[in-house]
Amino acid sequence: MPSAVIAAYHYDPVTKTLEVRYHSGKVYHYLDIPEKVFKEMRATMVKGIWFNRHIKNKYPFKEVTPGLNQRNLFDQS
């Protein structure tokens, strides 16, 4: 997934949470993301542009950067 801004992402279909880790190191949870929207993001070749148009500032979110003692979906084993 090449993106100048997004380093990695993970979707939890049970909670409808999209976790995005930016190249800056910041991690955000975007909430109430329909699975259909996630699948559209996953299918696009231009993740950052698509994300900015269809998710950013359109769904509730919270910062969960590691070190803030909050759940991180990337650390699921």
N, C-alpha and C. Protein backbone atom coordinates (compact mmCIF):
# COMPACT_ATOMS: atom_id res chain seq x y z
N MET A 1 0.84 -1.17 0.00
CA MET A 1 0.00 0.00 0.00
C MET A 1 0.88 1.23 0.00
N PRO A 2 1.29 1.71 -1.14
CA PRO A 2 2.10 2.92 -1.16
C PRO A 2 1.26 4.16 -0.87
N SER A 3 1.71 4.95 0.07
CA SER A 3 1.07 6.22 0.38
C SER A 3 2.12 7.13 1.00
N ALA A 4 2.07 8.38 0.63
CA ALA A 4 3.03 9.34 1.17
C ALA A 4 2.71 9.68 2.62
N VAL A 5 1.50 9.43 3.06
CA VAL A 5 1.07 9.82 4.41
C VAL A 5 0.74 8.62 5.29
N ILE A 6 0.04 7.63 4.75
CA ILE A 6 -0.41 6.47 5.52
C ILE A 6 0.66 5.38 5.48
N ALA A 7 1.17 5.01 6.66
CA ALA A 7 2.18 3.96 6.75
C ALA A 7 1.54 2.58 6.79
N ALA A 8 0.41 2.45 7.50
CA ALA A 8 -0.28 1.17 7.64
C ALA A 8 -1.70 1.42 8.11
N TYR A 9 -2.56 0.41 7.91
CA TYR A 9 -3.93 0.52 8.41
C TYR A 9 -4.45 -0.87 8.72
N HIS A 10 -5.46 -0.91 9.57
CA HIS A 10 -6.09 -2.17 9.96
C HIS A 10 -7.56 -1.88 10.24
N TYR A 11 -8.42 -2.81 9.85
CA TYR A 11 -9.85 -2.65 10.07
C TYR A 11 -10.37 -3.76 10.96
N ASP A 12 -11.16 -3.40 11.96
CA ASP A 12 -11.82 -4.38 12.83
C ASP A 12 -13.31 -4.36 12.48
N PRO A 13 -13.82 -5.39 11.79
CA PRO A 13 -15.22 -5.38 11.38
C PRO A 13 -16.21 -5.49 12.54
N VAL A 14 -15.78 -6.04 13.65
CA VAL A 14 -16.68 -6.18 14.80
C VAL A 14 -16.99 -4.81 15.39
N THR A 15 -15.97 -3.98 15.56
CA THR A 15 -16.17 -2.65 16.15
C THR A 15 -16.31 -1.56 15.09
N LYS A 16 -16.14 -1.92 13.82
CA LYS A 16 -16.18 -0.97 12.70
C LYS A 16 -15.16 0.14 12.89
N THR A 17 -13.98 -0.25 13.38
CA THR A 17 -12.91 0.71 13.64
C THR A 17 -11.80 0.54 12.62
N LEU A 18 -11.44 1.65 12.00
CA LEU A 18 -10.30 1.68 11.09
C LEU A 18 -9.15 2.35 11.81
N GLU A 19 -8.06 1.61 12.00
CA GLU A 19 -6.89 2.19 12.63
C GLU A 19 -5.91 2.58 11.53
N VAL A 20 -5.44 3.81 11.59
CA VAL A 20 -4.49 4.32 10.60
C VAL A 20 -3.24 4.78 11.32
N ARG A 21 -2.10 4.26 10.86
CA ARG A 21 -0.81 4.72 11.38
C ARG A 21 -0.16 5.55 10.28
N TYR A 22 0.14 6.79 10.62
CA TYR A 22 0.75 7.70 9.67
C TYR A 22 2.26 7.60 9.73
N HIS A 23 2.93 8.01 8.67
CA HIS A 23 4.39 8.00 8.65
C HIS A 23 4.97 8.86 9.77
N SER A 24 4.22 9.80 10.27
CA SER A 24 4.66 10.65 11.37
C SER A 24 4.77 9.89 12.68
N GLY A 25 4.16 8.68 12.73
CA GLY A 25 4.13 7.89 13.95
C GLY A 25 2.81 7.99 14.69
N LYS A 26 1.99 8.95 14.34
CA LYS A 26 0.69 9.10 15.00
C LYS A 26 -0.26 8.00 14.54
N VAL A 27 -1.12 7.57 15.47
CA VAL A 27 -2.10 6.52 15.18
C VAL A 27 -3.48 7.05 15.56
N TYR A 28 -4.43 6.84 14.67
CA TYR A 28 -5.80 7.28 14.91
C TYR A 28 -6.76 6.13 14.68
N HIS A 29 -7.85 6.13 15.44
CA HIS A 29 -8.97 5.23 15.22
C HIS A 29 -10.09 6.06 14.60
N TYR A 30 -10.55 5.61 13.45
CA TYR A 30 -11.71 6.20 12.80
C TYR A 30 -12.87 5.26 13.08
N LEU A 31 -13.96 5.81 13.63
CA LEU A 31 -15.04 5.01 14.21
C LEU A 31 -16.25 4.92 13.29
N ASP A 32 -16.99 3.83 13.46
CA ASP A 32 -18.24 3.60 12.72
C ASP A 32 -18.04 3.56 11.21
N ILE A 33 -16.92 3.00 10.78
CA ILE A 33 -16.62 2.88 9.35
C ILE A 33 -17.32 1.63 8.82
N PRO A 34 -18.24 1.78 7.88
CA PRO A 34 -18.88 0.59 7.31
C PRO A 34 -17.84 -0.28 6.59
N GLU A 35 -18.03 -1.58 6.65
CA GLU A 35 -17.09 -2.49 6.01
C GLU A 35 -16.98 -2.21 4.51
N LYS A 36 -18.08 -1.82 3.88
CA LYS A 36 -18.06 -1.48 2.46
C LYS A 36 -17.08 -0.33 2.18
N VAL A 37 -17.07 0.66 3.06
CA VAL A 37 -16.15 1.79 2.89
C VAL A 37 -14.71 1.32 3.03
N PHE A 38 -14.45 0.46 4.01
CA PHE A 38 -13.10 -0.06 4.18
C PHE A 38 -12.67 -0.84 2.94
N LYS A 39 -13.55 -1.67 2.40
CA LYS A 39 -13.21 -2.46 1.23
C LYS A 39 -12.91 -1.57 0.02
N GLU A 40 -13.63 -0.46 -0.10
CA GLU A 40 -13.34 0.48 -1.18
C GLU A 40 -11.95 1.10 -0.99
N MET A 41 -11.61 1.43 0.25
CA MET A 41 -10.29 1.99 0.52
C MET A 41 -9.20 0.97 0.19
N ARG A 42 -9.42 -0.25 0.62
CA ARG A 42 -8.43 -1.31 0.39
C ARG A 42 -8.21 -1.54 -1.11
N ALA A 43 -9.26 -1.37 -1.91
CA ALA A 43 -9.18 -1.64 -3.34
C ALA A 43 -8.52 -0.52 -4.15
N THR A 44 -8.49 0.68 -3.61
CA THR A 44 -7.96 1.79 -4.39
C THR A 44 -6.43 1.78 -4.41
N MET A 45 -5.88 2.29 -5.47
CA MET A 45 -4.42 2.38 -5.60
C MET A 45 -3.87 3.66 -4.97
N VAL A 46 -4.73 4.62 -4.73
CA VAL A 46 -4.29 5.91 -4.17
C VAL A 46 -4.92 6.09 -2.79
N LYS A 47 -4.38 5.37 -1.82
CA LYS A 47 -4.96 5.31 -0.47
C LYS A 47 -5.12 6.69 0.17
N GLY A 48 -4.08 7.49 0.16
CA GLY A 48 -4.13 8.79 0.84
C GLY A 48 -5.18 9.71 0.27
N ILE A 49 -5.22 9.82 -1.04
CA ILE A 49 -6.21 10.69 -1.69
C ILE A 49 -7.62 10.18 -1.41
N TRP A 50 -7.82 8.87 -1.57
CA TRP A 50 -9.14 8.29 -1.33
C TRP A 50 -9.56 8.50 0.13
N PHE A 51 -8.63 8.24 1.05
CA PHE A 51 -8.90 8.41 2.47
C PHE A 51 -9.33 9.84 2.78
N ASN A 52 -8.61 10.81 2.24
CA ASN A 52 -8.94 12.22 2.49
C ASN A 52 -10.31 12.59 1.95
N ARG A 53 -10.71 12.01 0.86
CA ARG A 53 -12.01 12.33 0.24
C ARG A 53 -13.19 11.62 0.91
N HIS A 54 -12.95 10.41 1.43
CA HIS A 54 -14.09 9.59 1.85
C HIS A 54 -14.16 9.28 3.34
N ILE A 55 -13.08 9.48 4.09
CA ILE A 55 -13.09 9.13 5.51
C ILE A 55 -12.71 10.32 6.40
N LYS A 56 -11.58 10.94 6.12
CA LYS A 56 -11.08 12.01 6.98
C LYS A 56 -12.11 13.13 7.08
N ASN A 57 -12.39 13.54 8.31
CA ASN A 57 -13.36 14.60 8.63
C ASN A 57 -14.80 14.24 8.27
N LYS A 58 -15.06 12.97 7.97
CA LYS A 58 -16.43 12.53 7.70
C LYS A 58 -16.92 11.52 8.75
N TYR A 59 -15.99 10.95 9.49
CA TYR A 59 -16.33 9.99 10.54
C TYR A 59 -15.65 10.43 11.84
N PRO A 60 -16.25 10.07 12.97
CA PRO A 60 -15.61 10.42 14.25
C PRO A 60 -14.27 9.69 14.37
N PHE A 61 -13.34 10.31 15.08
CA PHE A 61 -12.02 9.71 15.24
C PHE A 61 -11.42 10.12 16.57
N LYS A 62 -10.37 9.39 16.96
CA LYS A 62 -9.62 9.75 18.16
C LYS A 62 -8.18 9.31 17.97
N GLU A 63 -7.28 10.08 18.53
CA GLU A 63 -5.87 9.73 18.45
C GLU A 63 -5.57 8.66 19.50
N VAL A 64 -4.85 7.63 19.10
CA VAL A 64 -4.49 6.53 20.00
C VAL A 64 -3.00 6.20 19.83
N THR A 65 -2.20 7.20 19.57
CA THR A 65 -0.78 6.99 19.36
C THR A 65 -0.20 6.20 20.52
N PRO A 66 0.59 5.15 20.23
CA PRO A 66 1.19 4.36 21.31
C PRO A 66 1.87 5.25 22.34
N GLY A 67 1.72 4.86 23.60
CA GLY A 67 2.24 5.67 24.69
C GLY A 67 1.12 6.40 25.40
N LEU A 68 -0.08 6.37 24.80
CA LEU A 68 -1.23 7.01 25.42
C LEU A 68 -2.07 6.00 26.21
N ASN A 69 -1.54 4.77 26.37
CA ASN A 69 -2.22 3.70 27.11
C ASN A 69 -3.60 3.38 26.54
N GLN A 70 -3.69 3.33 25.21
CA GLN A 70 -4.93 2.98 24.58
C GLN A 70 -4.72 1.79 23.67
N ARG A 71 -5.79 1.10 23.34
CA ARG A 71 -5.74 -0.12 22.53
C ARG A 71 -5.18 0.20 21.15
N ASN A 72 -4.32 -0.68 20.67
CA ASN A 72 -3.72 -0.53 19.36
C ASN A 72 -4.00 -1.79 18.56
N LEU A 73 -4.76 -1.69 17.49
CA LEU A 73 -5.15 -2.86 16.71
C LEU A 73 -3.96 -3.52 16.02
N PHE A 74 -2.87 -2.78 15.78
CA PHE A 74 -1.70 -3.36 15.14
C PHE A 74 -1.02 -4.39 16.02
N ASP A 75 -1.22 -4.31 17.33
CA ASP A 75 -0.53 -5.19 18.25
C ASP A 75 -1.29 -6.47 18.56
N GLN A 76 -2.31 -6.79 17.77
CA GLN A 76 -3.05 -8.04 18.01
C GLN A 76 -2.17 -9.20 17.60
N SER A 77 -2.07 -10.19 18.44
CA SER A 77 -1.29 -11.38 18.10
C SER A 77 -2.14 -12.62 18.13
